[in-house]
C-alpha cells in the first residue's frame, strides 16, 4: 500500500471518529466510545479506560454547578459581580476543556483502529509516531492471541499513549484555555485539581501537578 493510500485510510478512520465523538456536550457518548476501545483491545489498552474515567470526572468538576463551580460560588458569595466573572471564566474553561476531551477521543479512536488494520504496513510510522505505533501494535498482537499483557508492559504502553496525547493535544489545548486567567487561584484550581474516580477507595485522590505537563511521573 503506497503512502497516499495509507494516509487516505487514516483520514477516513479519523472522520469516522469525529462523527462518533459527537458535539462538545456529548461526554457520556465519548466515554462509551473510549470504553469500547478498551474492551475491543482485550482489556489491554488502559489509556482508553483512564481517558473514559477522566472525561466523566471532568464533566462534573469544571461545570459551573460542579465541584469547582460550587467552591468559587462560596469563595465570592459576598460579591455577585466578582462571582459572576469567575464563573464566566470557569464556563469558558469548561468549554475549552470539552474541546480537548473531544479531540483526545478522536485521536485515541483513530490511532487505535488505524494501527489495528494497517499498523504493520510500511509507512505507518509516518502517520503514527513510531513509539506509539510500537505500543499499539503490541496491544493488537496481544488481542489477536487472546493474551492479557503483564502489568509492567501495560504500564509502559499506557505511559507512551499518555505522553503522545499530552504532547500533541492536551498540553497545547489546556495552555491555550488558561491564557485568559489572571486569577492565580483559578489557574491553580483548574491546572492542579484533586481527582477522584468512582473506583478509588475511600479518601483516595489523585493530585495533578499540572494538567499541561508533558512529562509522565
N, C-alpha and C. Protein backbone atom coordinates (compact mmCIF):
# COMPACT_ATOMS: atom_id res chain seq x y z
N UNK A 1 0.85 -1.19 0.00
CA UNK A 1 0.00 0.00 0.00
C UNK A 1 0.89 1.25 0.00
N UNK A 2 0.65 2.16 -0.94
CA UNK A 2 1.50 3.34 -1.02
C UNK A 2 1.11 4.37 0.05
N UNK A 3 1.98 5.37 0.23
CA UNK A 3 1.79 6.33 1.32
C UNK A 3 0.51 7.14 1.19
N UNK A 4 0.19 7.68 0.00
CA UNK A 4 -1.07 8.42 -0.11
C UNK A 4 -2.30 7.58 0.24
N UNK A 5 -2.30 6.31 -0.17
CA UNK A 5 -3.44 5.45 0.15
C UNK A 5 -3.52 5.21 1.65
N UNK A 6 -2.37 5.01 2.29
CA UNK A 6 -2.34 4.80 3.72
C UNK A 6 -2.86 6.04 4.46
N UNK A 7 -2.47 7.20 3.99
CA UNK A 7 -2.96 8.45 4.59
C UNK A 7 -4.46 8.58 4.41
N UNK A 8 -4.95 8.21 3.23
CA UNK A 8 -6.40 8.25 2.99
C UNK A 8 -7.14 7.35 3.97
N UNK A 9 -6.58 6.18 4.25
CA UNK A 9 -7.21 5.26 5.20
C UNK A 9 -7.28 5.89 6.58
N UNK A 10 -6.19 6.53 6.98
CA UNK A 10 -6.18 7.17 8.29
C UNK A 10 -7.20 8.31 8.34
N UNK A 11 -7.25 9.11 7.30
CA UNK A 11 -8.19 10.24 7.27
C UNK A 11 -9.63 9.75 7.34
N UNK A 12 -9.92 8.62 6.70
CA UNK A 12 -11.28 8.07 6.73
C UNK A 12 -11.64 7.60 8.14
N UNK A 13 -10.70 6.96 8.80
CA UNK A 13 -10.94 6.49 10.17
C UNK A 13 -11.11 7.68 11.10
N UNK A 14 -10.32 8.72 10.89
CA UNK A 14 -10.44 9.91 11.75
C UNK A 14 -11.76 10.62 11.52
N UNK A 15 -12.26 10.62 10.29
CA UNK A 15 -13.57 11.21 10.01
C UNK A 15 -14.66 10.43 10.74
N UNK A 16 -14.53 9.10 10.75
CA UNK A 16 -15.47 8.26 11.49
C UNK A 16 -15.39 8.57 12.98
N UNK A 17 -14.19 8.74 13.49
CA UNK A 17 -14.00 9.07 14.90
C UNK A 17 -14.63 10.40 15.25
N UNK A 18 -14.53 11.36 14.35
CA UNK A 18 -15.09 12.69 14.58
C UNK A 18 -16.61 12.63 14.71
N UNK A 19 -17.24 11.81 13.89
CA UNK A 19 -18.70 11.64 13.99
C UNK A 19 -19.07 10.94 15.29
N UNK A 20 -18.33 9.91 15.65
CA UNK A 20 -18.64 9.17 16.87
C UNK A 20 -18.45 10.02 18.13
N UNK A 21 -17.50 10.96 18.09
CA UNK A 21 -17.21 11.79 19.26
C UNK A 21 -18.33 12.76 19.59
N UNK A 22 -19.20 13.06 18.62
CA UNK A 22 -20.33 13.93 18.85
C UNK A 22 -19.93 15.37 19.08
N UNK A 23 -20.84 16.13 19.71
CA UNK A 23 -20.58 17.53 19.99
C UNK A 23 -19.86 17.72 21.31
N UNK A 24 -19.62 18.97 21.67
CA UNK A 24 -18.85 19.25 22.88
C UNK A 24 -19.52 18.73 24.15
N UNK A 25 -20.84 18.69 24.16
CA UNK A 25 -21.56 18.28 25.37
C UNK A 25 -21.77 16.77 25.45
N UNK A 26 -21.34 16.04 24.44
CA UNK A 26 -21.61 14.60 24.39
C UNK A 26 -20.53 13.79 25.11
N UNK A 27 -20.23 14.17 26.34
CA UNK A 27 -19.17 13.48 27.08
C UNK A 27 -19.53 12.03 27.38
N UNK A 28 -20.77 11.70 27.81
CA UNK A 28 -21.09 10.28 28.02
C UNK A 28 -20.92 9.45 26.75
N UNK A 29 -21.22 10.04 25.61
CA UNK A 29 -21.03 9.32 24.34
C UNK A 29 -19.56 9.02 24.11
N UNK A 30 -18.70 10.00 24.36
CA UNK A 30 -17.27 9.77 24.16
C UNK A 30 -16.73 8.76 25.17
N UNK A 31 -17.26 8.79 26.39
CA UNK A 31 -16.85 7.80 27.39
C UNK A 31 -17.18 6.40 26.91
N UNK A 32 -18.32 6.23 26.27
CA UNK A 32 -18.71 4.92 25.75
C UNK A 32 -17.80 4.49 24.61
N UNK A 33 -17.46 5.43 23.73
CA UNK A 33 -16.54 5.11 22.62
C UNK A 33 -15.19 4.64 23.18
N UNK A 34 -14.67 5.36 24.15
CA UNK A 34 -13.37 5.02 24.72
C UNK A 34 -13.41 3.70 25.48
N UNK A 35 -14.50 3.46 26.20
CA UNK A 35 -14.61 2.21 26.95
C UNK A 35 -14.70 1.02 25.99
N UNK A 36 -15.39 1.19 24.89
CA UNK A 36 -15.47 0.11 23.90
C UNK A 36 -14.11 -0.19 23.27
N UNK A 37 -13.25 0.84 23.16
CA UNK A 37 -11.89 0.59 22.69
C UNK A 37 -11.15 -0.31 23.67
N UNK A 38 -11.33 -0.04 24.95
CA UNK A 38 -10.69 -0.85 25.98
C UNK A 38 -11.16 -2.31 25.89
N UNK A 39 -12.46 -2.51 25.74
CA UNK A 39 -12.98 -3.86 25.62
C UNK A 39 -12.49 -4.54 24.34
N UNK A 40 -12.47 -3.79 23.25
CA UNK A 40 -12.02 -4.35 21.97
C UNK A 40 -10.57 -4.78 22.04
N UNK A 41 -9.78 -4.10 22.87
CA UNK A 41 -8.35 -4.42 22.97
C UNK A 41 -8.08 -5.66 23.81
N UNK A 42 -9.15 -6.32 24.27
CA UNK A 42 -8.95 -7.42 25.19
C UNK A 42 -8.54 -6.94 26.56
N UNK A 43 -8.95 -5.71 26.90
CA UNK A 43 -8.61 -5.05 28.18
C UNK A 43 -7.11 -4.81 28.31
N UNK A 44 -6.48 -4.51 27.19
CA UNK A 44 -5.04 -4.24 27.18
C UNK A 44 -4.69 -2.77 26.96
N UNK A 45 -5.63 -2.01 26.40
CA UNK A 45 -5.34 -0.60 26.10
C UNK A 45 -5.87 0.26 27.23
N UNK A 46 -5.09 0.37 28.31
CA UNK A 46 -5.57 1.01 29.52
C UNK A 46 -5.70 2.52 29.38
N UNK A 47 -5.01 3.11 28.42
CA UNK A 47 -5.14 4.56 28.24
C UNK A 47 -6.58 4.93 27.93
N UNK A 48 -7.24 4.14 27.09
CA UNK A 48 -8.62 4.46 26.74
C UNK A 48 -9.54 4.33 27.94
N UNK A 49 -9.25 3.40 28.85
CA UNK A 49 -10.06 3.25 30.06
C UNK A 49 -9.88 4.44 30.99
N UNK A 50 -8.64 4.86 31.21
CA UNK A 50 -8.39 6.02 32.07
C UNK A 50 -8.99 7.28 31.45
N UNK A 51 -8.89 7.40 30.13
CA UNK A 51 -9.50 8.55 29.45
C UNK A 51 -11.01 8.57 29.64
N UNK A 52 -11.63 7.38 29.70
CA UNK A 52 -13.07 7.29 29.97
C UNK A 52 -13.41 7.89 31.32
N UNK A 53 -12.70 7.44 32.35
CA UNK A 53 -12.95 7.95 33.70
C UNK A 53 -12.63 9.45 33.78
N UNK A 54 -11.57 9.87 33.12
CA UNK A 54 -11.19 11.27 33.15
C UNK A 54 -12.25 12.17 32.55
N UNK A 55 -12.84 11.72 31.44
CA UNK A 55 -13.88 12.51 30.78
C UNK A 55 -15.09 12.68 31.68
N UNK A 56 -15.50 11.59 32.33
CA UNK A 56 -16.69 11.65 33.19
C UNK A 56 -16.43 12.49 34.44
N UNK A 57 -15.21 12.39 35.00
CA UNK A 57 -14.88 13.20 36.16
C UNK A 57 -14.89 14.69 35.80
N UNK A 58 -14.27 15.04 34.70
CA UNK A 58 -14.15 16.45 34.32
C UNK A 58 -15.50 17.09 34.05
N UNK A 59 -16.46 16.29 33.57
CA UNK A 59 -17.78 16.84 33.26
C UNK A 59 -18.47 17.36 34.51
N UNK A 60 -18.12 16.80 35.68
CA UNK A 60 -18.72 17.28 36.92
C UNK A 60 -17.87 18.28 37.67
N UNK A 61 -16.57 18.29 37.40
CA UNK A 61 -15.66 19.16 38.16
C UNK A 61 -15.63 20.58 37.60
N UNK A 62 -15.56 20.72 36.29
CA UNK A 62 -15.34 22.03 35.70
C UNK A 62 -16.61 22.79 35.37
N UNK A 63 -17.79 22.19 35.55
CA UNK A 63 -19.02 22.91 35.27
C UNK A 63 -19.31 23.94 36.37
N UNK A 64 -20.09 24.95 36.02
CA UNK A 64 -20.41 26.00 36.99
C UNK A 64 -21.14 25.42 38.20
N UNK A 65 -21.92 24.38 37.98
CA UNK A 65 -22.63 23.74 39.08
C UNK A 65 -21.90 22.56 39.66
N UNK A 66 -20.68 22.31 39.19
CA UNK A 66 -19.90 21.18 39.68
C UNK A 66 -19.06 21.54 40.88
N UNK A 67 -18.09 20.68 41.18
CA UNK A 67 -17.30 20.85 42.40
C UNK A 67 -16.57 22.19 42.44
N UNK A 68 -15.89 22.53 41.36
CA UNK A 68 -15.13 23.78 41.33
C UNK A 68 -16.06 24.98 41.29
N UNK A 69 -17.17 24.86 40.56
CA UNK A 69 -18.13 25.95 40.49
C UNK A 69 -18.72 26.28 41.85
N UNK A 70 -19.03 25.25 42.64
CA UNK A 70 -19.58 25.48 43.98
C UNK A 70 -18.53 26.13 44.89
N UNK A 71 -17.27 25.71 44.72
CA UNK A 71 -16.20 26.31 45.52
C UNK A 71 -16.06 27.79 45.20
N UNK A 72 -16.09 28.15 43.94
CA UNK A 72 -15.97 29.55 43.53
C UNK A 72 -17.16 30.36 44.03
N UNK A 73 -18.36 29.76 43.95
CA UNK A 73 -19.55 30.48 44.40
C UNK A 73 -19.47 30.78 45.89
N UNK A 74 -18.95 29.85 46.68
CA UNK A 74 -18.80 30.09 48.12
C UNK A 74 -17.70 31.12 48.39
N UNK A 75 -16.63 31.04 47.60
CA UNK A 75 -15.50 31.95 47.83
C UNK A 75 -15.90 33.40 47.59
N UNK A 76 -16.75 33.66 46.60
CA UNK A 76 -17.10 35.04 46.23
C UNK A 76 -18.58 35.34 46.50
N UNK A 77 -19.15 34.71 47.54
CA UNK A 77 -20.57 34.90 47.85
C UNK A 77 -20.90 36.36 48.16
N UNK A 78 -19.91 37.10 48.68
CA UNK A 78 -20.13 38.47 49.14
C UNK A 78 -20.12 39.49 47.99
N UNK A 79 -19.71 39.05 46.80
CA UNK A 79 -19.57 39.97 45.66
C UNK A 79 -20.18 39.33 44.41
N UNK A 80 -21.44 39.61 44.13
CA UNK A 80 -22.12 38.98 42.99
C UNK A 80 -21.43 39.22 41.65
N UNK A 81 -20.90 40.43 41.47
CA UNK A 81 -20.24 40.72 40.19
C UNK A 81 -18.97 39.90 40.03
N UNK A 82 -18.18 39.82 41.11
CA UNK A 82 -16.94 39.05 41.05
C UNK A 82 -17.24 37.56 40.88
N UNK A 83 -18.27 37.09 41.57
CA UNK A 83 -18.66 35.68 41.44
C UNK A 83 -19.08 35.36 40.01
N UNK A 84 -19.87 36.26 39.41
CA UNK A 84 -20.31 36.05 38.03
C UNK A 84 -19.13 36.04 37.07
N UNK A 85 -18.16 36.91 37.33
CA UNK A 85 -16.97 36.96 36.47
C UNK A 85 -16.17 35.67 36.56
N UNK A 86 -15.95 35.19 37.80
CA UNK A 86 -15.16 33.96 37.98
C UNK A 86 -15.89 32.76 37.37
N UNK A 87 -17.19 32.69 37.56
CA UNK A 87 -17.94 31.58 36.99
C UNK A 87 -17.97 31.64 35.46
N UNK A 88 -17.92 32.88 34.93
CA UNK A 88 -17.82 33.03 33.48
C UNK A 88 -16.51 32.47 32.95
N UNK A 89 -15.41 32.76 33.67
CA UNK A 89 -14.12 32.19 33.30
C UNK A 89 -14.16 30.66 33.34
N UNK A 90 -14.81 30.14 34.38
CA UNK A 90 -14.90 28.69 34.51
C UNK A 90 -15.71 28.08 33.38
N UNK A 91 -16.80 28.72 33.01
CA UNK A 91 -17.62 28.20 31.90
C UNK A 91 -16.82 28.16 30.60
N UNK A 92 -16.02 29.20 30.36
CA UNK A 92 -15.21 29.21 29.15
C UNK A 92 -14.15 28.12 29.20
N UNK A 93 -13.53 27.95 30.38
CA UNK A 93 -12.54 26.89 30.51
C UNK A 93 -13.18 25.53 30.31
N UNK A 94 -14.37 25.33 30.86
CA UNK A 94 -15.07 24.05 30.72
C UNK A 94 -15.34 23.76 29.24
N UNK A 95 -15.73 24.79 28.49
CA UNK A 95 -15.97 24.58 27.06
C UNK A 95 -14.68 24.23 26.33
N UNK A 96 -13.60 24.93 26.65
CA UNK A 96 -12.31 24.62 26.03
C UNK A 96 -11.84 23.22 26.43
N UNK A 97 -12.07 22.84 27.69
CA UNK A 97 -11.66 21.53 28.15
C UNK A 97 -12.46 20.44 27.44
N UNK A 98 -13.74 20.69 27.20
CA UNK A 98 -14.55 19.71 26.46
C UNK A 98 -14.01 19.53 25.05
N UNK A 99 -13.50 20.61 24.46
CA UNK A 99 -12.91 20.51 23.14
C UNK A 99 -11.67 19.62 23.17
N UNK A 100 -10.84 19.79 24.21
CA UNK A 100 -9.67 18.93 24.37
C UNK A 100 -10.10 17.49 24.56
N UNK A 101 -11.10 17.28 25.41
CA UNK A 101 -11.62 15.94 25.66
C UNK A 101 -12.13 15.29 24.37
N UNK A 102 -12.82 16.07 23.56
CA UNK A 102 -13.33 15.54 22.29
C UNK A 102 -12.19 15.14 21.37
N UNK A 103 -11.14 15.97 21.32
CA UNK A 103 -10.02 15.67 20.43
C UNK A 103 -9.25 14.44 20.91
N UNK A 104 -9.13 14.27 22.22
CA UNK A 104 -8.47 13.06 22.75
C UNK A 104 -9.23 11.82 22.31
N UNK A 105 -10.55 11.87 22.38
CA UNK A 105 -11.37 10.74 21.94
C UNK A 105 -11.14 10.45 20.46
N UNK A 106 -11.13 11.49 19.65
CA UNK A 106 -10.94 11.32 18.20
C UNK A 106 -9.56 10.71 17.92
N UNK A 107 -8.54 11.27 18.54
CA UNK A 107 -7.18 10.78 18.33
C UNK A 107 -7.03 9.32 18.77
N UNK A 108 -7.57 9.02 19.95
CA UNK A 108 -7.42 7.68 20.51
C UNK A 108 -8.11 6.64 19.64
N UNK A 109 -9.31 6.96 19.18
CA UNK A 109 -10.06 6.05 18.31
C UNK A 109 -9.33 5.87 16.98
N UNK A 110 -8.92 6.97 16.38
CA UNK A 110 -8.28 6.90 15.06
C UNK A 110 -6.96 6.14 15.13
N UNK A 111 -6.15 6.44 16.12
CA UNK A 111 -4.85 5.76 16.25
C UNK A 111 -5.03 4.27 16.49
N UNK A 112 -5.99 3.93 17.34
CA UNK A 112 -6.22 2.52 17.67
C UNK A 112 -6.67 1.74 16.43
N UNK A 113 -7.71 2.23 15.77
CA UNK A 113 -8.27 1.46 14.66
C UNK A 113 -7.37 1.49 13.42
N UNK A 114 -6.65 2.58 13.22
CA UNK A 114 -5.71 2.60 12.10
C UNK A 114 -4.60 1.57 12.31
N UNK A 115 -4.03 1.55 13.51
CA UNK A 115 -2.95 0.60 13.76
C UNK A 115 -3.46 -0.84 13.79
N UNK A 116 -4.68 -1.03 14.21
CA UNK A 116 -5.24 -2.39 14.19
C UNK A 116 -5.32 -2.93 12.77
N UNK A 117 -5.65 -2.06 11.81
CA UNK A 117 -5.82 -2.52 10.43
C UNK A 117 -4.52 -2.39 9.62
N UNK A 118 -3.77 -1.34 9.88
CA UNK A 118 -2.64 -1.03 8.99
C UNK A 118 -1.32 -0.81 9.75
N UNK A 119 -1.28 -1.16 11.03
CA UNK A 119 -0.12 -0.86 11.84
C UNK A 119 1.16 -1.55 11.42
N UNK A 120 1.04 -2.62 10.65
CA UNK A 120 2.23 -3.33 10.20
C UNK A 120 2.60 -3.02 8.75
N UNK A 121 1.86 -2.09 8.18
CA UNK A 121 2.15 -1.68 6.79
C UNK A 121 3.37 -0.76 6.78
N UNK A 122 4.26 -0.92 5.80
CA UNK A 122 5.37 0.03 5.65
C UNK A 122 4.83 1.44 5.44
N UNK A 123 5.35 2.38 6.16
CA UNK A 123 4.88 3.76 6.07
C UNK A 123 3.92 4.15 7.18
N UNK A 124 3.45 3.18 7.98
CA UNK A 124 2.55 3.52 9.08
C UNK A 124 3.24 4.44 10.08
N UNK A 125 4.57 4.30 10.20
CA UNK A 125 5.32 5.11 11.15
C UNK A 125 5.39 6.58 10.73
N UNK A 126 5.05 6.87 9.48
CA UNK A 126 5.00 8.26 9.03
C UNK A 126 3.73 8.93 9.56
N UNK A 127 2.69 8.16 9.74
CA UNK A 127 1.39 8.69 10.17
C UNK A 127 1.25 8.66 11.68
N UNK A 128 1.69 7.58 12.29
CA UNK A 128 1.63 7.42 13.75
C UNK A 128 3.05 7.50 14.31
N UNK A 129 3.24 8.31 15.35
CA UNK A 129 4.55 8.41 15.98
C UNK A 129 5.11 7.01 16.24
N UNK A 130 6.35 6.73 15.80
CA UNK A 130 6.89 5.36 15.90
C UNK A 130 6.76 4.73 17.28
N UNK A 131 7.01 5.48 18.34
CA UNK A 131 6.92 4.92 19.69
C UNK A 131 5.48 4.51 20.02
N UNK A 132 4.51 5.33 19.60
CA UNK A 132 3.10 4.99 19.83
C UNK A 132 2.69 3.83 18.93
N UNK A 133 3.18 3.82 17.71
CA UNK A 133 2.87 2.73 16.78
C UNK A 133 3.32 1.40 17.37
N UNK A 134 4.53 1.36 17.92
CA UNK A 134 5.03 0.13 18.53
C UNK A 134 4.17 -0.28 19.71
N UNK A 135 3.78 0.67 20.54
CA UNK A 135 2.95 0.35 21.71
C UNK A 135 1.60 -0.21 21.29
N UNK A 136 0.96 0.41 20.33
CA UNK A 136 -0.36 -0.06 19.89
C UNK A 136 -0.26 -1.40 19.15
N UNK A 137 0.81 -1.60 18.41
CA UNK A 137 0.99 -2.90 17.75
C UNK A 137 1.13 -4.02 18.78
N UNK A 138 1.73 -3.72 19.92
CA UNK A 138 1.83 -4.73 20.97
C UNK A 138 0.45 -5.03 21.58
N UNK A 139 -0.37 -4.00 21.69
CA UNK A 139 -1.74 -4.21 22.16
C UNK A 139 -2.50 -5.12 21.19
N UNK A 140 -2.38 -4.84 19.90
CA UNK A 140 -3.10 -5.64 18.91
C UNK A 140 -2.59 -7.08 18.85
N UNK A 141 -1.29 -7.25 19.00
CA UNK A 141 -0.73 -8.60 18.99
C UNK A 141 -1.26 -9.41 20.17
N UNK A 142 -1.36 -8.78 21.33
CA UNK A 142 -1.91 -9.47 22.50
C UNK A 142 -3.38 -9.80 22.29
N UNK A 143 -4.12 -8.87 21.72
CA UNK A 143 -5.55 -9.10 21.46
C UNK A 143 -5.74 -10.28 20.51
N UNK A 144 -4.94 -10.33 19.46
CA UNK A 144 -5.10 -11.38 18.45
C UNK A 144 -4.83 -12.78 19.01
N UNK A 145 -3.99 -12.86 20.03
CA UNK A 145 -3.65 -14.16 20.62
C UNK A 145 -4.42 -14.42 21.91
N UNK A 146 -5.31 -13.49 22.28
CA UNK A 146 -6.11 -13.67 23.47
C UNK A 146 -5.35 -13.51 24.77
N UNK A 147 -4.24 -12.80 24.72
CA UNK A 147 -3.41 -12.62 25.91
C UNK A 147 -3.77 -11.33 26.63
N UNK A 148 -3.54 -11.33 27.92
CA UNK A 148 -3.60 -10.11 28.72
C UNK A 148 -2.17 -9.72 29.05
N UNK A 149 -1.79 -8.53 28.66
CA UNK A 149 -0.41 -8.10 28.84
C UNK A 149 -0.04 -8.02 30.33
N UNK A 150 1.19 -8.36 30.69
CA UNK A 150 1.62 -8.22 32.08
C UNK A 150 1.62 -6.76 32.50
N UNK A 151 1.56 -6.55 33.81
CA UNK A 151 1.38 -5.20 34.35
C UNK A 151 2.47 -4.23 33.90
N UNK A 152 3.72 -4.68 33.88
CA UNK A 152 4.80 -3.76 33.53
C UNK A 152 4.71 -3.33 32.06
N UNK A 153 4.33 -4.26 31.20
CA UNK A 153 4.19 -3.90 29.78
C UNK A 153 2.96 -3.01 29.57
N UNK A 154 1.88 -3.31 30.27
CA UNK A 154 0.68 -2.46 30.18
C UNK A 154 0.98 -1.04 30.62
N UNK A 155 1.76 -0.91 31.68
CA UNK A 155 2.11 0.42 32.18
C UNK A 155 2.96 1.16 31.15
N UNK A 156 3.91 0.47 30.54
CA UNK A 156 4.77 1.10 29.53
C UNK A 156 3.94 1.59 28.34
N UNK A 157 2.97 0.79 27.93
CA UNK A 157 2.11 1.17 26.80
C UNK A 157 1.23 2.35 27.19
N UNK A 158 0.70 2.34 28.40
CA UNK A 158 -0.10 3.46 28.87
C UNK A 158 0.73 4.74 28.89
N UNK A 159 1.93 4.66 29.43
CA UNK A 159 2.78 5.85 29.52
C UNK A 159 3.09 6.42 28.14
N UNK A 160 3.33 5.54 27.17
CA UNK A 160 3.63 6.02 25.83
C UNK A 160 2.41 6.69 25.22
N UNK A 161 1.24 6.10 25.41
CA UNK A 161 0.00 6.69 24.90
C UNK A 161 -0.25 8.04 25.56
N UNK A 162 -0.02 8.09 26.86
CA UNK A 162 -0.21 9.33 27.60
C UNK A 162 0.71 10.43 27.10
N UNK A 163 1.98 10.09 26.95
CA UNK A 163 2.97 11.09 26.51
C UNK A 163 2.60 11.67 25.15
N UNK A 164 2.25 10.80 24.23
CA UNK A 164 1.93 11.26 22.87
C UNK A 164 0.71 12.16 22.87
N UNK A 165 -0.35 11.76 23.59
CA UNK A 165 -1.56 12.56 23.60
C UNK A 165 -1.35 13.86 24.35
N UNK A 166 -0.57 13.82 25.41
CA UNK A 166 -0.28 15.03 26.18
C UNK A 166 0.52 16.02 25.33
N UNK A 167 1.47 15.51 24.59
CA UNK A 167 2.33 16.37 23.76
C UNK A 167 1.55 17.00 22.62
N UNK A 168 0.70 16.23 21.97
CA UNK A 168 0.05 16.68 20.74
C UNK A 168 -1.23 17.46 21.01
N UNK A 169 -2.04 17.00 21.97
CA UNK A 169 -3.39 17.54 22.12
C UNK A 169 -3.62 18.23 23.46
N UNK A 170 -3.35 17.53 24.56
CA UNK A 170 -3.80 18.02 25.86
C UNK A 170 -3.04 19.27 26.30
N UNK A 171 -1.72 19.21 26.35
CA UNK A 171 -0.94 20.35 26.85
C UNK A 171 -1.20 21.63 26.05
N UNK A 172 -1.13 21.61 24.71
CA UNK A 172 -1.41 22.84 23.97
C UNK A 172 -2.83 23.37 24.20
N UNK A 173 -3.81 22.44 24.27
CA UNK A 173 -5.19 22.87 24.46
C UNK A 173 -5.44 23.48 25.82
N UNK A 174 -4.90 22.87 26.86
CA UNK A 174 -5.09 23.39 28.21
C UNK A 174 -4.35 24.70 28.40
N UNK A 175 -3.14 24.80 27.88
CA UNK A 175 -2.38 26.05 28.00
C UNK A 175 -3.12 27.20 27.33
N UNK A 176 -3.70 26.94 26.17
CA UNK A 176 -4.47 27.98 25.48
C UNK A 176 -5.70 28.37 26.29
N UNK A 177 -6.31 27.39 26.97
CA UNK A 177 -7.53 27.65 27.72
C UNK A 177 -7.31 28.55 28.93
N UNK A 178 -6.14 28.48 29.54
CA UNK A 178 -5.90 29.25 30.76
C UNK A 178 -5.15 30.56 30.50
N UNK A 179 -4.88 30.87 29.27
CA UNK A 179 -4.16 32.10 28.97
C UNK A 179 -4.91 33.34 29.43
N UNK A 180 -6.24 33.23 29.45
CA UNK A 180 -7.04 34.40 29.85
C UNK A 180 -7.17 34.52 31.36
N UNK A 181 -6.66 33.55 32.11
CA UNK A 181 -6.81 33.57 33.55
C UNK A 181 -5.78 34.51 34.19
N UNK A 182 -6.26 35.61 34.76
CA UNK A 182 -5.39 36.49 35.52
C UNK A 182 -5.39 36.10 36.99
N UNK A 183 -6.42 35.38 37.40
CA UNK A 183 -6.57 34.98 38.80
C UNK A 183 -5.72 33.74 39.08
N UNK A 184 -4.75 33.88 40.00
CA UNK A 184 -3.85 32.78 40.31
C UNK A 184 -4.59 31.61 40.96
N UNK A 185 -5.60 31.91 41.77
CA UNK A 185 -6.36 30.85 42.42
C UNK A 185 -7.11 30.02 41.38
N UNK A 186 -7.75 30.69 40.43
CA UNK A 186 -8.48 29.98 39.37
C UNK A 186 -7.53 29.12 38.55
N UNK A 187 -6.39 29.69 38.21
CA UNK A 187 -5.41 28.94 37.41
C UNK A 187 -4.95 27.69 38.18
N UNK A 188 -4.69 27.87 39.47
CA UNK A 188 -4.22 26.75 40.28
C UNK A 188 -5.28 25.65 40.35
N UNK A 189 -6.53 26.01 40.62
CA UNK A 189 -7.60 25.02 40.78
C UNK A 189 -7.89 24.28 39.49
N UNK A 190 -7.75 24.97 38.36
CA UNK A 190 -8.02 24.32 37.08
C UNK A 190 -6.85 23.45 36.61
N UNK A 191 -5.63 23.89 36.92
CA UNK A 191 -4.46 23.17 36.43
C UNK A 191 -3.99 22.08 37.38
N UNK A 192 -4.34 22.20 38.67
CA UNK A 192 -3.86 21.23 39.66
C UNK A 192 -5.01 20.71 40.51
N UNK A 193 -5.98 20.08 39.89
CA UNK A 193 -7.15 19.64 40.66
C UNK A 193 -6.88 18.35 41.44
N UNK A 194 -7.69 18.14 42.47
CA UNK A 194 -7.75 16.85 43.13
C UNK A 194 -8.77 15.99 42.39
N UNK A 195 -8.33 14.85 41.93
CA UNK A 195 -9.17 13.98 41.10
C UNK A 195 -9.58 12.76 41.91
N UNK A 196 -10.85 12.44 41.86
CA UNK A 196 -11.34 11.21 42.48
C UNK A 196 -12.22 10.47 41.48
N UNK A 197 -11.78 9.31 41.03
CA UNK A 197 -12.58 8.47 40.15
C UNK A 197 -13.47 7.56 40.99
N UNK A 198 -14.55 7.08 40.38
CA UNK A 198 -15.55 6.29 41.11
C UNK A 198 -14.98 5.02 41.71
N UNK A 199 -13.97 4.45 41.07
CA UNK A 199 -13.44 3.18 41.56
C UNK A 199 -12.35 3.35 42.62
N UNK A 200 -11.99 4.58 42.98
CA UNK A 200 -10.97 4.80 44.00
C UNK A 200 -11.48 4.34 45.37
N UNK A 201 -10.60 3.80 46.21
CA UNK A 201 -11.00 3.51 47.60
C UNK A 201 -11.38 4.80 48.33
N UNK A 202 -12.05 4.66 49.45
CA UNK A 202 -12.46 5.83 50.23
C UNK A 202 -11.25 6.70 50.58
N UNK A 203 -11.45 8.01 50.45
CA UNK A 203 -10.44 9.01 50.83
C UNK A 203 -9.16 8.91 49.98
N UNK A 204 -9.25 8.33 48.80
CA UNK A 204 -8.10 8.29 47.90
C UNK A 204 -8.33 9.28 46.76
N UNK A 205 -7.31 10.09 46.48
CA UNK A 205 -7.40 11.10 45.44
C UNK A 205 -6.13 11.08 44.60
N UNK A 206 -6.25 11.62 43.41
CA UNK A 206 -5.09 11.81 42.54
C UNK A 206 -4.91 13.31 42.38
N UNK A 207 -3.73 13.81 42.71
CA UNK A 207 -3.48 15.25 42.59
C UNK A 207 -2.61 15.50 41.37
N UNK A 208 -3.19 16.17 40.39
CA UNK A 208 -2.43 16.52 39.20
C UNK A 208 -1.46 17.65 39.54
N UNK A 209 -0.20 17.44 39.21
CA UNK A 209 0.78 18.50 39.40
C UNK A 209 0.52 19.64 38.42
N UNK A 210 0.11 19.29 37.20
CA UNK A 210 -0.15 20.29 36.18
C UNK A 210 -0.79 19.58 34.99
N UNK A 211 -2.02 19.98 34.65
CA UNK A 211 -2.72 19.36 33.53
C UNK A 211 -1.96 19.49 32.22
N UNK A 212 -1.18 20.56 32.10
CA UNK A 212 -0.47 20.81 30.84
C UNK A 212 0.94 20.24 30.84
N UNK A 213 1.31 19.51 31.91
CA UNK A 213 2.64 18.94 31.98
C UNK A 213 2.80 17.84 30.93
N UNK A 214 3.87 17.88 30.16
CA UNK A 214 4.09 16.90 29.10
C UNK A 214 4.85 15.67 29.57
N UNK A 215 5.26 15.67 30.82
CA UNK A 215 6.02 14.54 31.36
C UNK A 215 5.13 13.65 32.19
N UNK A 216 5.34 12.33 32.05
CA UNK A 216 4.62 11.35 32.88
C UNK A 216 5.47 11.06 34.11
N UNK A 217 4.85 11.16 35.30
CA UNK A 217 5.55 10.86 36.55
C UNK A 217 4.81 9.75 37.27
